[in-house]
N, C-alpha and C. Protein backbone atom coordinates (compact mmCIF):
# COMPACT_ATOMS: atom_id res chain seq x y z
N MET A 1 0.81 -1.21 0.05
CA MET A 1 0.00 0.06 -0.04
C MET A 1 0.92 1.26 0.05
N ILE A 2 0.41 2.27 -0.62
CA ILE A 2 1.10 3.52 -0.61
C ILE A 2 0.75 4.27 0.74
N GLU A 3 1.77 4.89 1.28
CA GLU A 3 1.64 5.50 2.55
C GLU A 3 0.53 6.63 2.56
N GLU A 4 0.26 7.29 1.44
CA GLU A 4 -0.71 8.30 1.39
C GLU A 4 -2.10 7.75 1.53
N ASP A 5 -2.27 6.44 1.30
CA ASP A 5 -3.59 5.76 1.37
C ASP A 5 -3.93 5.50 2.87
N TYR A 6 -3.07 5.67 3.70
CA TYR A 6 -3.15 5.38 5.18
C TYR A 6 -3.76 6.56 5.85
N VAL A 7 -4.62 6.22 6.82
CA VAL A 7 -5.24 7.21 7.65
C VAL A 7 -5.01 6.89 9.15
N GLU A 8 -4.94 7.91 10.02
CA GLU A 8 -4.73 7.62 11.38
C GLU A 8 -6.08 7.29 11.98
N PHE A 9 -6.04 6.49 13.06
CA PHE A 9 -7.33 6.15 13.79
C PHE A 9 -7.03 6.07 15.30
N ALA A 10 -8.05 6.20 16.07
CA ALA A 10 -8.10 5.95 17.49
C ALA A 10 -9.52 5.43 17.86
N TYR A 11 -9.51 4.14 18.39
CA TYR A 11 -10.77 3.47 18.58
C TYR A 11 -10.76 3.03 20.10
N ASP A 12 -11.92 3.11 20.75
CA ASP A 12 -12.18 2.64 21.99
C ASP A 12 -13.04 1.37 21.92
N VAL A 13 -12.58 0.19 22.21
CA VAL A 13 -13.30 -0.99 21.94
C VAL A 13 -13.38 -1.82 23.23
N PRO A 14 -14.78 -2.30 23.56
CA PRO A 14 -14.86 -3.14 24.74
C PRO A 14 -14.02 -4.38 24.69
N MET A 15 -13.46 -4.77 25.87
CA MET A 15 -12.63 -5.94 25.83
C MET A 15 -13.40 -7.22 25.37
N SER A 16 -14.84 -7.23 25.56
CA SER A 16 -15.69 -8.38 25.17
C SER A 16 -15.58 -8.54 23.62
N HIS A 17 -15.02 -7.53 22.94
CA HIS A 17 -14.99 -7.56 21.48
C HIS A 17 -13.57 -7.45 21.00
N TYR A 18 -12.66 -8.02 21.79
CA TYR A 18 -11.18 -7.89 21.43
C TYR A 18 -10.83 -8.48 20.11
N LYS A 19 -11.71 -9.39 19.65
CA LYS A 19 -11.47 -9.92 18.24
C LYS A 19 -11.36 -8.90 17.24
N ALA A 20 -12.18 -7.80 17.39
CA ALA A 20 -12.11 -6.62 16.48
C ALA A 20 -10.73 -5.98 16.57
N VAL A 21 -10.13 -5.90 17.78
CA VAL A 21 -8.83 -5.34 17.91
C VAL A 21 -7.74 -6.23 17.20
N ALA A 22 -7.97 -7.50 17.35
CA ALA A 22 -7.09 -8.45 16.80
C ALA A 22 -7.08 -8.28 15.31
N TYR A 23 -8.20 -8.00 14.69
CA TYR A 23 -8.29 -7.75 13.25
C TYR A 23 -7.50 -6.54 12.89
N LEU A 24 -7.45 -5.46 13.77
CA LEU A 24 -6.63 -4.33 13.43
C LEU A 24 -5.16 -4.68 13.50
N HIS A 25 -4.81 -5.52 14.36
CA HIS A 25 -3.43 -5.95 14.48
C HIS A 25 -2.98 -6.62 13.19
N GLU A 26 -3.89 -7.29 12.47
CA GLU A 26 -3.57 -7.89 11.17
C GLU A 26 -3.42 -6.99 9.99
N VAL A 27 -4.17 -5.89 10.08
CA VAL A 27 -4.36 -5.05 8.81
C VAL A 27 -3.80 -3.61 9.01
N ALA A 28 -3.42 -3.24 10.28
CA ALA A 28 -3.01 -1.87 10.51
C ALA A 28 -1.63 -1.86 11.20
N VAL A 29 -1.17 -0.57 11.21
CA VAL A 29 0.12 -0.33 11.92
C VAL A 29 -0.34 0.28 13.27
N ILE A 30 -0.03 -0.46 14.40
CA ILE A 30 -0.51 -0.10 15.72
C ILE A 30 0.56 0.64 16.35
N ASP A 31 0.21 1.90 16.79
CA ASP A 31 1.26 2.78 17.40
C ASP A 31 1.09 2.74 18.98
N ARG A 32 -0.19 2.53 19.42
CA ARG A 32 -0.38 2.52 20.87
C ARG A 32 -1.53 1.73 21.10
N GLU A 33 -1.51 1.00 22.24
CA GLU A 33 -2.66 0.16 22.74
C GLU A 33 -2.76 0.36 24.22
N HIS A 34 -3.79 0.87 24.73
CA HIS A 34 -3.88 1.15 26.10
C HIS A 34 -5.15 0.53 26.76
N PHE A 35 -4.97 -0.36 27.68
CA PHE A 35 -6.01 -0.99 28.42
C PHE A 35 -6.44 -0.25 29.67
N GLU A 36 -7.75 -0.04 29.77
CA GLU A 36 -8.29 0.64 30.94
C GLU A 36 -9.76 0.00 31.28
N GLY A 37 -9.87 -0.57 32.44
CA GLY A 37 -11.12 -1.15 32.81
C GLY A 37 -11.51 -2.21 31.74
N ASN A 38 -12.70 -2.06 31.20
CA ASN A 38 -13.19 -3.06 30.30
C ASN A 38 -13.02 -2.63 28.84
N HIS A 39 -12.15 -1.67 28.56
CA HIS A 39 -11.98 -1.15 27.27
C HIS A 39 -10.46 -1.08 26.82
N VAL A 40 -10.26 -1.16 25.63
CA VAL A 40 -8.90 -0.98 25.13
C VAL A 40 -8.95 0.18 24.06
N THR A 41 -8.04 1.09 24.15
CA THR A 41 -7.90 2.10 23.21
C THR A 41 -6.75 1.85 22.22
N VAL A 42 -7.04 1.77 20.98
CA VAL A 42 -6.01 1.41 19.94
C VAL A 42 -5.83 2.62 19.01
N GLU A 43 -4.65 2.92 18.79
CA GLU A 43 -4.22 4.03 17.91
C GLU A 43 -3.22 3.55 16.89
N GLY A 44 -3.34 4.18 15.73
CA GLY A 44 -2.42 3.78 14.66
C GLY A 44 -2.76 4.31 13.27
N SER A 45 -2.44 3.59 12.25
CA SER A 45 -2.82 3.97 10.90
C SER A 45 -3.10 2.73 10.05
N VAL A 46 -4.07 2.98 9.17
CA VAL A 46 -4.54 1.79 8.36
C VAL A 46 -5.03 2.40 6.98
N SER A 47 -5.17 1.44 6.07
CA SER A 47 -5.66 1.92 4.71
C SER A 47 -7.06 2.39 4.88
N LYS A 48 -7.52 3.27 3.98
CA LYS A 48 -8.90 3.71 4.11
C LYS A 48 -9.84 2.56 3.91
N ALA A 49 -9.61 1.66 2.97
CA ALA A 49 -10.58 0.52 2.80
C ALA A 49 -10.61 -0.34 4.24
N GLU A 50 -9.55 -0.54 4.82
CA GLU A 50 -9.62 -1.39 6.01
C GLU A 50 -10.24 -0.65 7.12
N ARG A 51 -10.03 0.72 7.11
CA ARG A 51 -10.72 1.57 8.17
C ARG A 51 -12.19 1.41 7.92
N ASP A 52 -12.66 1.52 6.75
CA ASP A 52 -14.15 1.44 6.55
C ASP A 52 -14.66 0.04 6.91
N ARG A 53 -13.90 -0.99 6.66
CA ARG A 53 -14.38 -2.34 7.02
C ARG A 53 -14.32 -2.40 8.52
N PHE A 54 -13.33 -1.89 9.21
CA PHE A 54 -13.30 -1.97 10.72
C PHE A 54 -14.43 -1.08 11.28
N GLU A 55 -14.70 -0.02 10.75
CA GLU A 55 -15.89 0.83 11.29
C GLU A 55 -17.21 0.17 11.14
N SER A 56 -17.29 -0.60 10.07
CA SER A 56 -18.54 -1.47 9.89
C SER A 56 -18.66 -2.52 11.02
N ILE A 57 -17.57 -3.18 11.26
CA ILE A 57 -17.50 -4.11 12.37
C ILE A 57 -17.92 -3.49 13.71
N LEU A 58 -17.23 -2.32 13.97
CA LEU A 58 -17.31 -1.59 15.20
C LEU A 58 -18.79 -1.16 15.33
N ALA A 59 -19.48 -0.71 14.24
CA ALA A 59 -20.85 -0.18 14.33
C ALA A 59 -21.77 -1.37 14.67
N GLU A 60 -21.45 -2.58 14.37
CA GLU A 60 -22.30 -3.75 14.71
C GLU A 60 -22.21 -4.12 16.16
N ILE A 61 -21.00 -3.91 16.70
CA ILE A 61 -20.82 -4.22 18.19
C ILE A 61 -21.12 -3.04 19.09
N GLN A 62 -21.11 -1.84 18.51
CA GLN A 62 -21.30 -0.64 19.36
C GLN A 62 -22.37 0.27 18.52
N PRO A 63 -23.53 -0.09 18.51
CA PRO A 63 -24.65 0.69 17.71
C PRO A 63 -24.56 2.06 18.30
N VAL A 64 -24.76 3.07 17.34
CA VAL A 64 -24.91 4.43 17.69
C VAL A 64 -26.26 4.60 18.37
N ASN A 65 -26.25 5.37 19.54
CA ASN A 65 -27.47 5.64 20.22
C ASN A 65 -28.27 6.61 19.46
N SER A 66 -29.58 6.29 19.32
CA SER A 66 -30.51 7.29 18.65
C SER A 66 -31.10 8.25 19.70
N GLN A 67 -31.09 9.44 19.36
CA GLN A 67 -31.70 10.44 20.38
C GLN A 67 -32.91 11.17 19.77
């Protein structure tokens, strides 16, 4: 991949869905991973296509609250 195709990210993921974080480890460059309570914050960079794929996965496990 060309470096310009990469975007930075920071995600807060529940530990109960750590498989999603494991997916990021496979497809992204992880700069920082911080565990706190029942969540992990992951920061790094990833291709735009993989970011979109991951955000779809994240939306399924963390639905946006309707107000």
